[in-house]
N, C-alpha and C. Protein backbone atom coordinates (compact mmCIF):
# COMPACT_ATOMS: atom_id res chain seq x y z
N LEU A 1 0.81 -1.21 0.00
CA LEU A 1 0.00 0.00 0.00
C LEU A 1 0.85 1.26 0.00
N LYS A 2 2.07 1.17 0.53
CA LYS A 2 2.94 2.34 0.55
C LYS A 2 3.32 2.77 -0.86
N LEU A 3 3.49 1.82 -1.77
CA LEU A 3 3.93 2.13 -3.13
C LEU A 3 2.80 2.07 -4.15
N GLY A 4 1.66 1.51 -3.78
CA GLY A 4 0.57 1.39 -4.74
C GLY A 4 0.73 0.16 -5.62
N PRO A 5 -0.15 -0.01 -6.61
CA PRO A 5 -0.15 -1.22 -7.45
C PRO A 5 0.93 -1.17 -8.53
N VAL A 6 2.18 -1.39 -8.14
CA VAL A 6 3.29 -1.31 -9.10
C VAL A 6 3.15 -2.34 -10.22
N GLU A 7 2.37 -3.41 -9.97
CA GLU A 7 2.19 -4.44 -10.99
C GLU A 7 1.35 -3.93 -12.17
N HIS A 8 0.73 -2.77 -12.05
CA HIS A 8 -0.06 -2.20 -13.15
C HIS A 8 0.82 -1.48 -14.18
N TYR A 9 2.12 -1.43 -13.93
CA TYR A 9 3.04 -0.66 -14.77
C TYR A 9 4.16 -1.55 -15.29
N PHE A 10 4.78 -1.14 -16.40
CA PHE A 10 5.86 -1.93 -16.97
C PHE A 10 7.04 -1.99 -16.01
N ASP A 11 7.75 -3.12 -16.05
CA ASP A 11 8.95 -3.26 -15.23
C ASP A 11 9.96 -2.20 -15.63
N ALA A 12 10.62 -1.63 -14.63
CA ALA A 12 11.58 -0.56 -14.89
C ALA A 12 12.93 -1.14 -15.31
N GLU A 13 13.53 -0.53 -16.33
CA GLU A 13 14.85 -0.93 -16.79
C GLU A 13 15.89 0.15 -16.57
N THR A 14 15.45 1.35 -16.18
CA THR A 14 16.37 2.45 -15.92
C THR A 14 15.92 3.16 -14.63
N PRO A 15 16.81 3.92 -13.99
CA PRO A 15 16.40 4.68 -12.80
C PRO A 15 15.24 5.62 -13.08
N ARG A 16 15.23 6.25 -14.26
CA ARG A 16 14.15 7.16 -14.62
C ARG A 16 12.81 6.41 -14.68
N GLU A 17 12.82 5.22 -15.29
CA GLU A 17 11.60 4.42 -15.38
C GLU A 17 11.15 3.94 -14.01
N LEU A 18 12.09 3.65 -13.13
CA LEU A 18 11.74 3.22 -11.77
C LEU A 18 11.08 4.37 -11.01
N ALA A 19 11.62 5.57 -11.15
CA ALA A 19 11.03 6.74 -10.49
C ALA A 19 9.61 6.97 -10.99
N TYR A 20 9.42 6.83 -12.32
CA TYR A 20 8.07 7.00 -12.87
C TYR A 20 7.13 5.92 -12.33
N ARG A 21 7.59 4.66 -12.36
CA ARG A 21 6.72 3.55 -11.96
C ARG A 21 6.25 3.71 -10.51
N ILE A 22 7.15 4.08 -9.62
CA ILE A 22 6.79 4.22 -8.21
C ILE A 22 5.85 5.41 -8.01
N ASN A 23 6.15 6.54 -8.66
CA ASN A 23 5.30 7.72 -8.51
C ASN A 23 3.93 7.51 -9.14
N ALA A 24 3.89 6.87 -10.30
CA ALA A 24 2.61 6.65 -10.98
C ALA A 24 1.74 5.68 -10.19
N SER A 25 2.33 4.62 -9.63
CA SER A 25 1.53 3.65 -8.89
C SER A 25 1.02 4.24 -7.58
N TYR A 26 1.83 5.07 -6.93
CA TYR A 26 1.36 5.72 -5.70
C TYR A 26 0.26 6.72 -6.03
N SER A 27 0.36 7.40 -7.17
CA SER A 27 -0.69 8.30 -7.62
C SER A 27 -2.00 7.54 -7.86
N GLU A 28 -1.87 6.35 -8.44
CA GLU A 28 -3.07 5.53 -8.69
C GLU A 28 -3.73 5.14 -7.37
N TYR A 29 -2.92 4.79 -6.37
CA TYR A 29 -3.45 4.48 -5.04
C TYR A 29 -4.23 5.68 -4.48
N ILE A 30 -3.64 6.87 -4.56
CA ILE A 30 -4.31 8.08 -4.07
C ILE A 30 -5.60 8.32 -4.84
N HIS A 31 -5.53 8.20 -6.15
CA HIS A 31 -6.68 8.42 -7.03
C HIS A 31 -7.85 7.52 -6.62
N LYS A 32 -7.57 6.25 -6.43
CA LYS A 32 -8.63 5.29 -6.12
C LYS A 32 -9.12 5.42 -4.69
N GLU A 33 -8.18 5.44 -3.73
CA GLU A 33 -8.58 5.36 -2.33
C GLU A 33 -9.10 6.68 -1.77
N VAL A 34 -8.45 7.80 -2.09
CA VAL A 34 -8.96 9.08 -1.58
C VAL A 34 -10.32 9.39 -2.20
N GLY A 35 -10.48 9.06 -3.49
CA GLY A 35 -11.79 9.22 -4.11
C GLY A 35 -12.84 8.39 -3.38
N ARG A 36 -12.49 7.16 -3.02
CA ARG A 36 -13.42 6.27 -2.31
C ARG A 36 -13.73 6.81 -0.92
N PHE A 37 -12.71 7.28 -0.20
CA PHE A 37 -12.95 7.85 1.14
C PHE A 37 -13.87 9.07 1.04
N ARG A 38 -13.62 9.92 0.06
CA ARG A 38 -14.42 11.13 -0.08
C ARG A 38 -15.88 10.79 -0.42
N ARG A 39 -16.10 9.80 -1.27
CA ARG A 39 -17.47 9.43 -1.64
C ARG A 39 -18.22 8.89 -0.43
N GLY A 40 -17.63 7.96 0.28
CA GLY A 40 -18.19 7.54 1.57
C GLY A 40 -19.07 6.31 1.57
N TYR A 41 -19.52 5.84 0.40
CA TYR A 41 -20.33 4.62 0.33
C TYR A 41 -20.39 4.16 -1.12
N PRO A 42 -20.69 2.87 -1.37
CA PRO A 42 -20.71 2.35 -2.74
C PRO A 42 -21.91 2.87 -3.53
N GLY A 43 -21.73 3.06 -4.82
CA GLY A 43 -22.79 3.57 -5.66
C GLY A 43 -23.98 2.65 -5.79
N ASP A 44 -23.77 1.33 -5.66
CA ASP A 44 -24.88 0.41 -5.84
C ASP A 44 -25.81 0.36 -4.63
N ARG A 45 -25.52 1.15 -3.59
CA ARG A 45 -26.40 1.22 -2.43
C ARG A 45 -27.39 2.37 -2.53
N GLY A 46 -27.35 3.11 -3.64
CA GLY A 46 -28.26 4.23 -3.79
C GLY A 46 -27.91 5.36 -2.83
N LYS A 47 -28.84 6.28 -2.63
CA LYS A 47 -28.60 7.41 -1.74
C LYS A 47 -28.44 6.91 -0.32
N ASP A 48 -27.30 7.18 0.30
CA ASP A 48 -26.99 6.62 1.61
C ASP A 48 -26.20 7.65 2.42
N ARG A 49 -26.06 7.36 3.70
CA ARG A 49 -25.29 8.24 4.57
C ARG A 49 -23.80 7.99 4.38
N ARG A 50 -23.01 9.06 4.31
CA ARG A 50 -21.57 8.91 4.20
C ARG A 50 -21.02 8.29 5.48
N ILE A 51 -20.24 7.24 5.34
CA ILE A 51 -19.72 6.56 6.52
C ILE A 51 -18.22 6.77 6.70
N THR A 52 -17.62 7.55 5.83
CA THR A 52 -16.20 7.83 6.00
C THR A 52 -15.97 8.72 7.22
N GLN A 53 -14.83 8.55 7.86
CA GLN A 53 -14.47 9.40 9.00
C GLN A 53 -13.24 10.24 8.67
N GLY A 54 -13.07 10.51 7.39
CA GLY A 54 -11.96 11.36 6.98
C GLY A 54 -10.76 10.56 6.51
N HIS A 55 -9.72 11.28 6.15
CA HIS A 55 -8.52 10.65 5.62
C HIS A 55 -7.33 11.54 5.92
N MET A 56 -6.25 10.95 6.35
CA MET A 56 -5.00 11.68 6.56
C MET A 56 -3.89 11.00 5.80
N LEU A 57 -3.27 11.74 4.91
CA LEU A 57 -2.09 11.20 4.23
C LEU A 57 -0.92 11.23 5.20
N TRP A 58 -0.30 10.09 5.40
CA TRP A 58 0.70 9.97 6.45
C TRP A 58 1.98 10.73 6.16
N ARG A 59 2.36 10.81 4.90
CA ARG A 59 3.68 11.35 4.60
C ARG A 59 3.61 12.40 3.49
N LEU A 60 4.00 13.63 3.83
CA LEU A 60 4.01 14.70 2.83
C LEU A 60 5.30 14.68 2.03
N ASN A 61 6.45 14.65 2.70
CA ASN A 61 7.71 14.78 1.97
C ASN A 61 8.72 13.72 2.40
N ASN A 62 9.66 13.44 1.51
CA ASN A 62 10.77 12.54 1.82
C ASN A 62 11.86 13.33 2.56
N ASN A 63 12.32 12.78 3.65
CA ASN A 63 13.33 13.51 4.44
C ASN A 63 14.75 13.05 4.14
N SER A 64 14.91 12.23 3.12
CA SER A 64 16.25 11.86 2.65
C SER A 64 16.17 11.61 1.15
N ASN A 65 17.31 11.45 0.51
CA ASN A 65 17.33 11.35 -0.96
C ASN A 65 16.99 9.93 -1.42
N ILE A 66 15.74 9.56 -1.23
CA ILE A 66 15.24 8.24 -1.59
C ILE A 66 14.03 8.39 -2.51
N ILE A 67 13.66 7.30 -3.17
CA ILE A 67 12.43 7.25 -3.95
C ILE A 67 11.43 6.45 -3.13
N SER A 68 10.41 7.09 -2.64
CA SER A 68 9.43 6.36 -1.85
C SER A 68 8.09 7.06 -1.95
N TYR A 69 7.28 6.95 -0.93
CA TYR A 69 5.91 7.40 -1.03
C TYR A 69 5.67 8.79 -0.47
N GLY A 70 6.64 9.69 -0.60
CA GLY A 70 6.39 11.09 -0.30
C GLY A 70 5.80 11.78 -1.51
N VAL A 71 4.91 12.74 -1.30
CA VAL A 71 4.35 13.46 -2.45
C VAL A 71 5.19 14.69 -2.81
N VAL A 72 6.15 15.03 -1.96
CA VAL A 72 7.15 16.05 -2.26
C VAL A 72 8.52 15.39 -2.05
N ASP A 73 9.44 15.56 -2.99
CA ASP A 73 10.70 14.83 -2.88
C ASP A 73 11.69 15.55 -1.96
N TYR A 74 12.87 14.96 -1.81
CA TYR A 74 13.90 15.46 -0.89
C TYR A 74 14.35 16.88 -1.21
N LEU A 75 14.26 17.25 -2.49
CA LEU A 75 14.68 18.59 -2.92
C LEU A 75 13.54 19.61 -2.85
N GLY A 76 12.37 19.17 -2.37
CA GLY A 76 11.25 20.09 -2.25
C GLY A 76 10.40 20.22 -3.50
N GLU A 77 10.63 19.34 -4.48
CA GLU A 77 9.85 19.38 -5.72
C GLU A 77 8.60 18.51 -5.57
N ALA A 78 7.47 19.03 -6.04
CA ALA A 78 6.23 18.25 -6.01
C ALA A 78 6.28 17.14 -7.06
N ASN A 79 5.90 15.94 -6.65
CA ASN A 79 5.89 14.80 -7.55
C ASN A 79 4.50 14.59 -8.14
N TYR A 80 4.41 13.62 -9.08
CA TYR A 80 3.14 13.22 -9.68
C TYR A 80 2.07 12.99 -8.61
N PRO A 81 2.34 12.25 -7.50
CA PRO A 81 1.30 12.03 -6.48
C PRO A 81 0.79 13.32 -5.85
N TYR A 82 1.63 14.35 -5.76
CA TYR A 82 1.20 15.63 -5.16
C TYR A 82 0.01 16.21 -5.93
N TYR A 83 0.11 16.21 -7.25
CA TYR A 83 -0.95 16.80 -8.06
C TYR A 83 -2.21 15.94 -8.04
N GLU A 84 -2.03 14.62 -7.94
CA GLU A 84 -3.20 13.74 -7.80
C GLU A 84 -3.90 14.00 -6.47
N LEU A 85 -3.11 14.16 -5.42
CA LEU A 85 -3.68 14.44 -4.10
C LEU A 85 -4.41 15.78 -4.10
N LYS A 86 -3.82 16.77 -4.76
CA LYS A 86 -4.45 18.10 -4.85
C LYS A 86 -5.81 18.00 -5.53
N ARG A 87 -5.88 17.24 -6.63
CA ARG A 87 -7.16 17.06 -7.33
C ARG A 87 -8.18 16.36 -6.44
N CYS A 88 -7.74 15.31 -5.75
CA CYS A 88 -8.66 14.51 -4.94
C CYS A 88 -9.12 15.24 -3.67
N TYR A 89 -8.39 16.26 -3.25
CA TYR A 89 -8.74 17.02 -2.05
C TYR A 89 -9.51 18.30 -2.35
N GLU A 90 -9.86 18.54 -3.61
CA GLU A 90 -10.64 19.74 -3.92
C GLU A 90 -11.96 19.70 -3.14
N PRO A 91 -12.38 20.83 -2.53
CA PRO A 91 -13.61 20.82 -1.74
C PRO A 91 -14.84 20.31 -2.50
N PHE A 92 -14.93 20.67 -3.79
CA PHE A 92 -15.97 20.06 -4.64
C PHE A 92 -15.28 19.05 -5.54
N LEU A 93 -15.67 17.80 -5.41
CA LEU A 93 -15.00 16.71 -6.13
C LEU A 93 -15.98 16.01 -7.06
N VAL A 94 -15.59 15.90 -8.32
CA VAL A 94 -16.30 15.02 -9.24
C VAL A 94 -15.40 13.82 -9.45
N SER A 95 -15.95 12.60 -9.33
CA SER A 95 -15.12 11.40 -9.41
C SER A 95 -15.89 10.27 -10.06
N CYS A 96 -15.17 9.20 -10.34
CA CYS A 96 -15.76 8.04 -11.02
C CYS A 96 -15.45 6.78 -10.23
N GLU A 97 -16.47 6.01 -9.95
CA GLU A 97 -16.31 4.69 -9.32
C GLU A 97 -16.50 3.67 -10.43
N LEU A 98 -15.45 2.94 -10.77
CA LEU A 98 -15.49 2.02 -11.90
C LEU A 98 -15.22 0.60 -11.40
N GLU A 99 -16.30 -0.11 -11.10
CA GLU A 99 -16.21 -1.51 -10.67
C GLU A 99 -17.01 -2.34 -11.68
N ASP A 100 -17.85 -3.27 -11.21
CA ASP A 100 -18.69 -4.03 -12.14
C ASP A 100 -19.62 -3.09 -12.89
N HIS A 101 -20.11 -2.08 -12.19
CA HIS A 101 -20.86 -1.00 -12.81
C HIS A 101 -20.15 0.30 -12.47
N GLY A 102 -20.26 1.27 -13.38
CA GLY A 102 -19.60 2.54 -13.14
C GLY A 102 -20.58 3.60 -12.72
N TYR A 103 -20.13 4.49 -11.84
CA TYR A 103 -20.96 5.60 -11.38
C TYR A 103 -20.13 6.89 -11.40
N VAL A 104 -20.79 7.98 -11.78
CA VAL A 104 -20.16 9.29 -11.72
C VAL A 104 -20.72 10.01 -10.50
N TRP A 105 -19.82 10.51 -9.65
CA TRP A 105 -20.18 11.08 -8.36
C TRP A 105 -19.89 12.57 -8.29
N VAL A 106 -20.63 13.25 -7.43
CA VAL A 106 -20.24 14.57 -6.96
C VAL A 106 -20.19 14.52 -5.44
N THR A 107 -19.16 15.12 -4.87
CA THR A 107 -18.98 15.21 -3.42
C THR A 107 -18.76 16.67 -3.07
N ASN A 108 -19.66 17.21 -2.27
CA ASN A 108 -19.65 18.65 -2.00
C ASN A 108 -19.28 18.93 -0.54
N ASP A 109 -18.06 19.35 -0.32
CA ASP A 109 -17.59 19.76 1.01
C ASP A 109 -17.26 21.25 1.03
N THR A 110 -17.94 22.03 0.18
CA THR A 110 -17.65 23.45 0.10
C THR A 110 -18.37 24.27 1.17
N GLY A 111 -19.45 23.73 1.74
CA GLY A 111 -20.25 24.49 2.69
C GLY A 111 -21.37 25.27 2.05
N LYS A 112 -21.53 25.16 0.73
CA LYS A 112 -22.63 25.84 0.05
C LYS A 112 -23.16 24.95 -1.07
N ARG A 113 -24.38 25.25 -1.51
CA ARG A 113 -24.99 24.45 -2.57
C ARG A 113 -24.22 24.63 -3.88
N VAL A 114 -24.05 23.51 -4.60
CA VAL A 114 -23.39 23.54 -5.91
C VAL A 114 -24.32 22.85 -6.90
N GLU A 115 -24.57 23.49 -8.03
CA GLU A 115 -25.40 22.88 -9.06
C GLU A 115 -24.80 23.16 -10.43
N GLY A 116 -25.12 22.29 -11.36
CA GLY A 116 -24.59 22.45 -12.69
C GLY A 116 -24.89 21.25 -13.56
N ILE A 117 -24.00 20.97 -14.50
CA ILE A 117 -24.18 19.90 -15.48
C ILE A 117 -22.92 19.04 -15.52
N LEU A 118 -23.09 17.74 -15.51
CA LEU A 118 -21.99 16.80 -15.72
C LEU A 118 -21.92 16.44 -17.20
N GLU A 119 -20.73 16.51 -17.76
CA GLU A 119 -20.48 16.03 -19.12
C GLU A 119 -19.56 14.83 -19.03
N ILE A 120 -20.04 13.66 -19.48
CA ILE A 120 -19.25 12.42 -19.42
C ILE A 120 -18.98 11.97 -20.84
N SER A 121 -17.71 11.81 -21.18
CA SER A 121 -17.32 11.40 -22.53
C SER A 121 -16.38 10.22 -22.47
N LEU A 122 -16.33 9.49 -23.56
CA LEU A 122 -15.32 8.45 -23.75
C LEU A 122 -14.29 8.95 -24.74
N PHE A 123 -13.02 8.75 -24.41
CA PHE A 123 -11.94 9.13 -25.32
C PHE A 123 -11.24 7.86 -25.78
N ASP A 124 -11.20 7.65 -27.09
CA ASP A 124 -10.58 6.48 -27.69
C ASP A 124 -9.09 6.76 -27.93
N LEU A 125 -8.21 6.02 -27.23
CA LEU A 125 -6.77 6.26 -27.35
C LEU A 125 -6.26 6.00 -28.76
N GLU A 126 -6.78 4.97 -29.43
CA GLU A 126 -6.28 4.62 -30.75
C GLU A 126 -6.79 5.57 -31.82
N LYS A 127 -8.05 5.99 -31.70
CA LYS A 127 -8.63 6.89 -32.70
C LYS A 127 -8.35 8.36 -32.37
N ASN A 128 -7.87 8.63 -31.16
CA ASN A 128 -7.54 9.99 -30.72
C ASN A 128 -8.76 10.92 -30.86
N SER A 129 -9.89 10.44 -30.36
CA SER A 129 -11.11 11.24 -30.49
C SER A 129 -12.09 10.92 -29.37
N PHE A 130 -12.96 11.89 -29.07
CA PHE A 130 -14.04 11.71 -28.11
C PHE A 130 -15.26 11.14 -28.81
N HIS A 131 -16.06 10.40 -28.05
CA HIS A 131 -17.34 9.93 -28.58
C HIS A 131 -18.25 9.60 -27.39
N SER A 132 -19.52 9.38 -27.69
CA SER A 132 -20.51 8.93 -26.70
C SER A 132 -20.61 9.87 -25.49
N THR A 133 -20.76 11.14 -25.74
CA THR A 133 -20.91 12.11 -24.65
C THR A 133 -22.35 12.12 -24.13
N ILE A 134 -22.51 12.08 -22.81
CA ILE A 134 -23.82 12.23 -22.18
C ILE A 134 -23.74 13.37 -21.17
N LYS A 135 -24.89 13.97 -20.89
CA LYS A 135 -24.96 15.08 -19.95
C LYS A 135 -26.03 14.81 -18.91
N LYS A 136 -25.79 15.32 -17.70
CA LYS A 136 -26.74 15.11 -16.61
C LYS A 136 -26.65 16.27 -15.64
N GLU A 137 -27.79 16.85 -15.32
CA GLU A 137 -27.83 17.93 -14.34
C GLU A 137 -27.66 17.37 -12.93
N PHE A 138 -27.08 18.19 -12.04
CA PHE A 138 -26.93 17.77 -10.64
C PHE A 138 -27.15 18.96 -9.72
N LEU A 139 -27.51 18.66 -8.50
CA LEU A 139 -27.62 19.64 -7.44
C LEU A 139 -27.11 18.99 -6.16
N ALA A 140 -26.07 19.56 -5.58
CA ALA A 140 -25.43 18.98 -4.38
C ALA A 140 -25.49 19.98 -3.24
N GLU A 141 -26.16 19.60 -2.17
CA GLU A 141 -26.20 20.42 -0.97
C GLU A 141 -24.88 20.26 -0.21
N PRO A 142 -24.58 21.16 0.75
CA PRO A 142 -23.38 20.98 1.58
C PRO A 142 -23.36 19.61 2.25
N ASP A 143 -22.22 18.98 2.26
CA ASP A 143 -22.00 17.65 2.86
C ASP A 143 -22.71 16.54 2.08
N ASP A 144 -23.13 16.83 0.85
CA ASP A 144 -23.72 15.82 -0.02
C ASP A 144 -22.62 15.03 -0.72
N SER A 145 -22.83 13.73 -0.86
CA SER A 145 -21.98 12.89 -1.68
C SER A 145 -22.89 11.86 -2.32
N MET A 146 -22.96 11.86 -3.64
CA MET A 146 -23.96 11.01 -4.28
C MET A 146 -23.57 10.63 -5.70
N PRO A 147 -23.95 9.41 -6.11
CA PRO A 147 -23.79 9.04 -7.51
C PRO A 147 -24.88 9.73 -8.33
N VAL A 148 -24.48 10.44 -9.36
CA VAL A 148 -25.43 11.22 -10.16
C VAL A 148 -25.97 10.41 -11.33
N ILE A 149 -25.10 9.59 -11.94
CA ILE A 149 -25.50 8.83 -13.12
C ILE A 149 -24.65 7.58 -13.23
N SER A 150 -25.25 6.52 -13.75
CA SER A 150 -24.52 5.27 -13.98
C SER A 150 -23.88 5.29 -15.36
N LEU A 151 -22.69 4.74 -15.47
CA LEU A 151 -22.03 4.65 -16.77
C LEU A 151 -22.69 3.63 -17.67
N ASP A 152 -23.67 2.89 -17.16
CA ASP A 152 -24.44 1.99 -18.02
C ASP A 152 -25.11 2.78 -19.14
N SER A 153 -25.31 4.09 -18.91
CA SER A 153 -25.93 4.94 -19.93
C SER A 153 -25.08 5.01 -21.19
N LEU A 154 -23.78 4.73 -21.07
CA LEU A 154 -22.89 4.75 -22.23
C LEU A 154 -22.89 3.43 -22.99
N GLY A 155 -23.51 2.41 -22.42
CA GLY A 155 -23.46 1.09 -23.03
C GLY A 155 -22.10 0.44 -22.84
N GLN A 156 -21.86 -0.65 -23.53
CA GLN A 156 -20.56 -1.31 -23.44
C GLN A 156 -19.51 -0.49 -24.19
N PHE A 157 -18.30 -0.45 -23.64
CA PHE A 157 -17.22 0.24 -24.36
C PHE A 157 -15.91 -0.50 -24.14
N LEU A 158 -14.98 -0.30 -25.06
CA LEU A 158 -13.71 -1.02 -25.04
C LEU A 158 -12.80 -0.49 -23.94
N LYS A 159 -11.91 -1.34 -23.45
CA LYS A 159 -11.02 -0.94 -22.37
C LYS A 159 -9.95 0.06 -22.80
N ARG A 160 -9.81 0.28 -24.09
CA ARG A 160 -8.85 1.30 -24.54
C ARG A 160 -9.45 2.70 -24.40
N ASN A 161 -10.71 2.77 -24.00
CA ASN A 161 -11.36 4.06 -23.80
C ASN A 161 -11.03 4.62 -22.42
N ILE A 162 -10.97 5.94 -22.34
CA ILE A 162 -10.77 6.66 -21.09
C ILE A 162 -12.05 7.44 -20.78
N VAL A 163 -12.52 7.34 -19.55
CA VAL A 163 -13.70 8.09 -19.15
C VAL A 163 -13.25 9.49 -18.72
N TYR A 164 -13.80 10.50 -19.37
CA TYR A 164 -13.44 11.89 -19.07
C TYR A 164 -14.70 12.62 -18.60
N ILE A 165 -14.63 13.20 -17.40
CA ILE A 165 -15.79 13.83 -16.79
C ILE A 165 -15.47 15.28 -16.47
N ARG A 166 -16.42 16.16 -16.77
CA ARG A 166 -16.32 17.56 -16.36
C ARG A 166 -17.61 17.98 -15.68
N ALA A 167 -17.48 18.73 -14.60
CA ALA A 167 -18.63 19.35 -13.96
C ALA A 167 -18.60 20.83 -14.30
N LEU A 168 -19.69 21.34 -14.86
CA LEU A 168 -19.76 22.72 -15.32
C LEU A 168 -20.88 23.45 -14.60
N SER A 169 -20.65 24.71 -14.28
CA SER A 169 -21.70 25.54 -13.71
C SER A 169 -22.68 25.94 -14.81
N ARG A 170 -23.77 26.61 -14.43
CA ARG A 170 -24.77 27.02 -15.41
C ARG A 170 -24.18 27.98 -16.45
N ASP A 171 -23.18 28.76 -16.06
CA ASP A 171 -22.55 29.68 -17.00
C ASP A 171 -21.28 29.09 -17.62
N ARG A 172 -21.16 27.74 -17.59
CA ARG A 172 -20.13 26.99 -18.30
C ARG A 172 -18.73 27.14 -17.71
N LYS A 173 -18.64 27.51 -16.45
CA LYS A 173 -17.34 27.50 -15.78
C LYS A 173 -17.06 26.11 -15.23
N GLU A 174 -15.81 25.66 -15.37
CA GLU A 174 -15.49 24.32 -14.91
C GLU A 174 -15.38 24.27 -13.39
N LEU A 175 -16.13 23.35 -12.78
CA LEU A 175 -16.12 23.16 -11.33
C LEU A 175 -15.19 22.04 -10.90
N GLY A 176 -14.92 21.12 -11.79
CA GLY A 176 -14.04 19.98 -11.48
C GLY A 176 -13.99 19.04 -12.66
N SER A 177 -12.99 18.16 -12.66
CA SER A 177 -12.86 17.18 -13.73
C SER A 177 -12.22 15.91 -13.19
N TRP A 178 -12.34 14.85 -13.95
CA TRP A 178 -11.83 13.54 -13.52
C TRP A 178 -11.53 12.70 -14.74
N ILE A 179 -10.43 11.97 -14.70
CA ILE A 179 -10.06 11.03 -15.76
C ILE A 179 -9.95 9.64 -15.16
N GLU A 180 -10.58 8.66 -15.79
CA GLU A 180 -10.56 7.29 -15.28
C GLU A 180 -10.21 6.33 -16.41
N TYR A 181 -9.10 5.59 -16.26
CA TYR A 181 -8.75 4.56 -17.24
C TYR A 181 -9.67 3.36 -17.05
N ALA A 182 -10.03 2.73 -18.16
CA ALA A 182 -10.86 1.53 -18.10
C ALA A 182 -10.02 0.27 -17.95
N ASP A 183 -8.70 0.41 -18.02
CA ASP A 183 -7.80 -0.74 -17.86
C ASP A 183 -6.52 -0.25 -17.19
N ILE A 184 -5.68 -1.19 -16.75
CA ILE A 184 -4.44 -0.79 -16.11
C ILE A 184 -3.47 -0.26 -17.17
N GLU A 185 -2.55 0.59 -16.75
CA GLU A 185 -1.65 1.25 -17.70
C GLU A 185 -0.83 0.24 -18.50
N ARG A 186 -0.46 -0.85 -17.89
CA ARG A 186 0.37 -1.86 -18.55
C ARG A 186 -0.31 -2.43 -19.80
N ASN A 187 -1.65 -2.38 -19.83
CA ASN A 187 -2.40 -2.96 -20.94
C ASN A 187 -2.82 -1.93 -21.98
N LEU A 188 -2.54 -0.66 -21.73
CA LEU A 188 -3.00 0.38 -22.64
C LEU A 188 -1.91 0.77 -23.65
N ASN A 189 -2.33 1.11 -24.84
CA ASN A 189 -1.41 1.47 -25.91
C ASN A 189 -1.42 2.98 -26.08
N PHE A 190 -0.55 3.66 -25.33
CA PHE A 190 -0.48 5.11 -25.39
C PHE A 190 0.27 5.56 -26.64
N PRO A 191 -0.08 6.71 -27.20
CA PRO A 191 0.67 7.22 -28.36
C PRO A 191 2.11 7.54 -27.98
N GLU A 192 3.04 7.17 -28.87
CA GLU A 192 4.45 7.42 -28.59
C GLU A 192 4.79 8.90 -28.73
N ASP A 193 4.20 9.56 -29.70
CA ASP A 193 4.45 10.98 -29.91
C ASP A 193 3.16 11.75 -29.68
N SER A 194 3.04 12.36 -28.50
CA SER A 194 1.81 13.08 -28.17
C SER A 194 1.82 14.51 -28.69
N GLY A 195 2.98 14.98 -29.15
CA GLY A 195 3.07 16.36 -29.60
C GLY A 195 2.98 17.34 -28.45
N LEU A 196 3.45 16.92 -27.29
CA LEU A 196 3.37 17.76 -26.09
C LEU A 196 4.27 18.99 -26.25
N GLU A 197 3.72 20.16 -25.95
CA GLU A 197 4.51 21.39 -26.02
C GLU A 197 4.03 22.38 -24.96
N ILE A 198 4.88 23.34 -24.65
CA ILE A 198 4.57 24.34 -23.65
C ILE A 198 4.93 25.71 -24.20
N CYS A 199 4.09 26.70 -23.93
CA CYS A 199 4.37 28.05 -24.39
C CYS A 199 3.75 29.05 -23.42
N GLN A 200 4.11 30.31 -23.58
CA GLN A 200 3.59 31.36 -22.72
C GLN A 200 2.65 32.24 -23.51
N GLU A 201 1.48 32.52 -22.93
CA GLU A 201 0.52 33.44 -23.52
C GLU A 201 0.19 34.49 -22.47
N GLY A 202 0.81 35.67 -22.58
CA GLY A 202 0.61 36.70 -21.58
C GLY A 202 1.14 36.25 -20.23
N GLU A 203 0.27 36.24 -19.23
CA GLU A 203 0.67 35.82 -17.89
C GLU A 203 0.50 34.32 -17.67
N PHE A 204 0.07 33.59 -18.69
CA PHE A 204 -0.26 32.19 -18.51
C PHE A 204 0.72 31.27 -19.23
N ILE A 205 0.96 30.12 -18.63
CA ILE A 205 1.72 29.05 -19.27
C ILE A 205 0.72 28.06 -19.84
N LEU A 206 0.81 27.78 -21.12
CA LEU A 206 -0.12 26.90 -21.82
C LEU A 206 0.58 25.59 -22.16
N VAL A 207 0.00 24.48 -21.70
CA VAL A 207 0.50 23.15 -22.02
C VAL A 207 -0.52 22.47 -22.92
N LYS A 208 -0.08 21.97 -24.05
CA LYS A 208 -1.03 21.34 -24.98
C LYS A 208 -0.38 20.17 -25.69
N SER A 209 -1.22 19.33 -26.30
CA SER A 209 -0.71 18.18 -27.04
C SER A 209 -1.68 17.84 -28.16
N ARG A 210 -1.20 17.10 -29.15
CA ARG A 210 -2.05 16.67 -30.27
C ARG A 210 -2.74 15.36 -29.98
N LYS A 211 -2.12 14.56 -29.08
CA LYS A 211 -2.69 13.29 -28.68
C LYS A 211 -2.65 13.18 -27.16
N PHE A 212 -3.24 12.11 -26.63
CA PHE A 212 -3.31 11.95 -25.19
C PHE A 212 -1.90 11.88 -24.59
N ALA A 213 -1.65 12.71 -23.58
CA ALA A 213 -0.35 12.73 -22.90
C ALA A 213 -0.57 12.40 -21.43
N ARG A 214 0.13 11.40 -20.92
CA ARG A 214 -0.04 10.99 -19.53
C ARG A 214 1.10 11.54 -18.67
N CYS A 215 0.83 11.68 -17.40
CA CYS A 215 1.85 12.10 -16.42
C CYS A 215 2.57 13.36 -16.87
N VAL A 216 1.81 14.40 -17.16
CA VAL A 216 2.41 15.67 -17.57
C VAL A 216 2.81 16.46 -16.34
């Protein structure tokens, strides 16, 4: 549990690959478990009382020059798990529970009512395109955590698809987003050349790619 499901990733042949494998697997652990803690109950139980009693990440930073389960490394640099933890700790969380049946959730710990529209799409890694988008309105009171829609609405889909979810306010501002792989990384065929690039536009740094780019 300290390192996460390392078996979901290719065996490392270089120090760089080992660093990626450990950080990516720990990020996957955070993604799955913190999302589950925040939701508080399984989606197949319908509307239910949250039974979680919170979550504390035991280790923020590594205190020596090692590769382990700190989300900030020995030099003070934020690792891949840090950004996953930041996403999962957002006061308003949109997340996906993907077991035998899939559910799209909203968890509202903001202290105020949140309402808007969920957009759920499938992204095909091989075709490099979105398809099968569905939309669903939601309203979440403070301390609400609930499954809004079942992924059964999308029908059957291939494991090379990625579930991409956005929560939007009525005026189309993004409230949160979530990406869920339908299979483990070791089984997915990611594009070798994503066309990833970075540039500056005024006061903003823009990161973009032509194809799906992981662990940016």
